[in-house]
Each structure stands twice: as structure tokens, then as C-alpha cells.
Protein backbone atom coordinates (compact mmCIF):
# COMPACT_ATOMS: atom_id res chain seq x y z
CA UNK A 1 125.15 103.07 -8.71
CA UNK A 2 123.00 106.28 -8.09
CA UNK A 3 125.74 107.51 -5.46
CA UNK A 4 128.66 106.89 -8.39
CA UNK A 5 126.15 108.92 -10.89
CA UNK A 6 125.45 112.01 -9.12
CA UNK A 7 129.73 112.14 -7.95
CA UNK A 8 130.65 111.46 -11.67
CA UNK A 9 127.93 114.77 -12.55
CA UNK A 10 129.48 116.99 -9.71
CA UNK A 11 133.36 115.29 -10.29
CA UNK A 12 132.84 116.90 -14.46
CA UNK A 13 132.13 121.02 -13.16
CA UNK A 14 130.83 122.49 -10.55
CA UNK A 15 126.74 122.23 -10.00
CA UNK A 16 123.37 123.59 -8.04
CA UNK A 17 120.43 119.95 -7.57
CA UNK A 18 118.74 120.90 -10.94
CA UNK A 19 121.66 121.71 -12.55
CA UNK A 20 122.89 117.88 -11.62
CA UNK A 21 119.30 116.73 -12.14
CA UNK A 22 119.40 118.61 -15.85
CA UNK A 23 122.66 117.23 -16.72
CA UNK A 24 121.53 113.19 -15.84
CA UNK A 25 118.69 113.21 -17.49
CA UNK A 26 120.04 115.45 -20.50
CA UNK A 27 123.10 112.02 -20.44
CA UNK A 28 120.86 109.44 -20.30
CA UNK A 29 118.94 110.90 -23.35
CA UNK A 30 115.45 111.81 -20.38
CA UNK A 31 115.99 108.24 -19.50
CA UNK A 32 115.99 109.27 -16.17
CA UNK A 33 114.63 112.13 -14.45
CA UNK A 34 115.79 112.40 -10.93
CA UNK A 35 112.60 113.52 -8.47
CA UNK A 36 113.22 116.13 -6.31
CA UNK A 37 112.56 114.02 -3.74
CA UNK A 38 115.10 111.36 -4.64
CA UNK A 39 118.21 114.48 -4.70
CA UNK A 40 117.50 116.29 -2.41
CA UNK A 41 117.48 113.89 0.33
CA UNK A 42 121.03 112.10 -0.87
CA UNK A 43 122.87 115.86 -1.14
CA UNK A 44 123.23 115.93 2.26
CA UNK A 45 123.93 112.37 2.98
CA UNK A 46 127.62 112.93 0.58
CA UNK A 47 128.25 116.37 2.04
CA UNK A 48 128.02 114.49 5.46
CA UNK A 49 130.32 111.90 4.04
CA UNK A 50 132.61 114.58 2.88
CA UNK A 51 132.04 113.41 -0.73
CA UNK A 52 131.28 116.87 -1.95
CA UNK A 53 131.29 120.39 -0.50
CA UNK A 54 128.87 123.44 -0.71
CA UNK A 55 131.30 126.25 -2.57
CA UNK A 56 128.46 129.29 -2.78
CA UNK A 57 124.91 129.55 -2.35
CA UNK A 58 122.83 131.75 -3.61
CA UNK A 59 119.66 133.05 -1.87
CA UNK A 60 117.23 134.97 -4.92
CA UNK A 61 113.82 134.20 -3.34
CA UNK A 62 115.29 130.47 -2.68
CA UNK A 63 117.98 128.89 -1.23
CA UNK A 64 120.83 127.07 -4.31
CA UNK A 65 123.80 125.58 -2.68
CA UNK A 66 126.56 125.05 -5.94
CA UNK A 67 128.47 122.15 -5.15
CA UNK A 68 131.73 120.45 -5.47
CA UNK A 69 133.32 117.05 -5.42
CA UNK A 70 136.25 117.38 -2.69
CA UNK A 71 140.12 115.65 -2.32
CA UNK A 72 137.74 112.28 -0.58
CA UNK A 73 134.91 112.15 -3.26
CA UNK A 74 137.43 111.85 -5.55
CA UNK A 75 139.50 109.97 -3.58
CA UNK A 76 136.19 107.59 -3.80
CA UNK A 77 134.48 107.99 -7.25
CA UNK A 78 138.13 106.35 -9.05
CA UNK A 79 138.18 103.11 -8.12
CA UNK A 80 134.49 102.95 -8.24
CA UNK A 81 133.98 103.82 -11.91
CA UNK A 82 135.22 101.08 -13.60
CA UNK A 83 133.24 98.19 -11.82
CA UNK A 84 129.79 100.99 -12.38
CA UNK A 85 131.43 100.71 -16.09
CA UNK A 86 131.98 96.70 -16.54
CA UNK A 87 128.46 96.02 -14.73
CA UNK A 88 126.74 98.36 -16.78
CA UNK A 89 128.58 96.96 -19.92
CA UNK A 90 127.15 93.57 -17.95
CA UNK A 91 123.42 94.56 -17.54
CA UNK A 92 123.28 96.41 -20.74
CA UNK A 93 124.80 92.36 -22.64
CA UNK A 94 122.27 90.70 -20.48
CA UNK A 95 119.43 92.64 -21.76
CA UNK A 96 120.22 93.16 -26.28
CA UNK A 97 120.89 89.32 -25.21
CA UNK A 98 116.94 89.35 -23.82
CA UNK A 99 115.62 91.34 -26.49
CA UNK A 100 117.26 89.81 -29.30
CA UNK A 101 116.09 85.85 -27.68
CA UNK A 102 111.44 87.63 -27.25
CA UNK A 103 112.66 88.88 -30.47
CA UNK A 104 113.08 85.59 -32.34
CA UNK A 105 109.76 84.26 -30.98
CA UNK A 106 111.59 82.92 -27.24
CA UNK A 107 110.13 83.17 -24.10
CA UNK A 108 111.28 85.26 -20.93
CA UNK A 109 112.37 82.02 -19.08
CA UNK A 110 113.10 79.87 -21.59
CA UNK A 111 115.34 83.48 -22.84
CA UNK A 112 117.30 84.09 -19.43
CA UNK A 113 118.39 80.00 -19.26
CA UNK A 114 120.24 80.81 -23.23
CA UNK A 115 121.43 83.99 -21.33
CA UNK A 116 123.22 81.40 -18.67
CA UNK A 117 124.52 79.24 -20.67
CA UNK A 118 125.82 81.51 -22.92
CA UNK A 119 127.08 83.58 -19.60
CA UNK A 120 128.39 80.16 -18.87
CA UNK A 121 130.02 78.69 -21.77
CA UNK A 122 132.30 82.34 -20.66
CA UNK A 123 133.76 81.42 -17.81
CA UNK A 124 134.79 77.69 -18.87
CA UNK A 125 136.53 79.87 -21.86
CA UNK A 126 138.30 81.85 -19.74
CA UNK A 127 138.69 78.80 -17.29
CA UNK A 128 140.60 76.99 -19.50
CA UNK A 129 142.70 79.98 -20.33
CA UNK A 130 143.28 80.74 -16.73
CA UNK A 131 144.52 77.75 -16.39
CA UNK A 132 146.85 77.53 -19.77
CA UNK A 133 148.69 80.89 -18.41
CA UNK A 134 149.56 79.47 -14.17
CA UNK A 135 150.74 76.27 -16.71
CA UNK A 136 152.93 78.39 -17.85
CA UNK A 137 153.44 80.96 -15.22
CA UNK A 138 154.64 77.49 -12.99
CA UNK A 139 156.83 76.62 -16.50
CA UNK A 140 158.26 79.31 -15.88
CA UNK A 141 159.08 78.96 -12.58
CA UNK A 142 160.73 75.69 -12.44
CA UNK A 143 162.45 76.26 -15.24
CA UNK A 144 160.95 74.15 -17.45
CA UNK A 145 160.29 75.07 -21.28
């Protein structure tokens, strides 16, 4: 997910490593602060895979490479973003549920069991809806009404 976040930030506009770090920090309200030891090794990896490219290089005492998303990077990122968004929503829902249960005085283990039971109920409901749709499709295909 970190690679997706970095690519997404670069997709919003050309940036050098320090700008990527700052944008992520601002985006997450200072909750995610990428260390240089994490970010800077990833940039050459993303570049080596052809997902980003260097568009400018400055040498003002220090070298600054400005990166931009490539077409290959866009093709890589586009189908993965909805998956990451869904995953993050599930994580957020899970954390909210744990928080609610813990505030109610539940133990972490009981909270987790409660979440699993809730998810099981949701999946069973989804299964019923899918079965109803399959029946409706079968009726349409066979010409019954």
C-alpha cells in the first residue's frame, strides 16, 4: 500500500522525494511520516519498474530528482486504487468497531469475536442476495416468470 500511496502522490503532480514526504505527511495530518530510509530506497525501485521517471535534476548543493508518473505507472495504479480504497475502508470499519466495543468495556478478544460475528452476518446476507439474483437469472434464462 505504501507504493500505491507514493505513486498516487506523484500522480497528483511532479515532485522530488522531500515533496512526496511532505505531501504524505499533510495528507495524513502528520500521522504518517515517511523516514528517508523508507522513501528514498523505494523511488529507484519504482523508477526501475518504469512506474515513475526523473524529469528534472537539480544540483543546489544537493541533488534533487523530480519524479513524474509514467504511462506504465498510471496503468499500474489505476486498477489498484479501488482495491486499496476498499481495503482501507474495511480496516477503518474494523478499527471503528473495535474502538466502540472497547469503549463499551469489552475486552479486545470479545471485541474481535463481535466483529467476526458481524462480518459473518453480513456475508450470510450477501449470500442470500446472490442466491436470489441467481434464481432470477435462471428464471429469465429459462423463460419462466
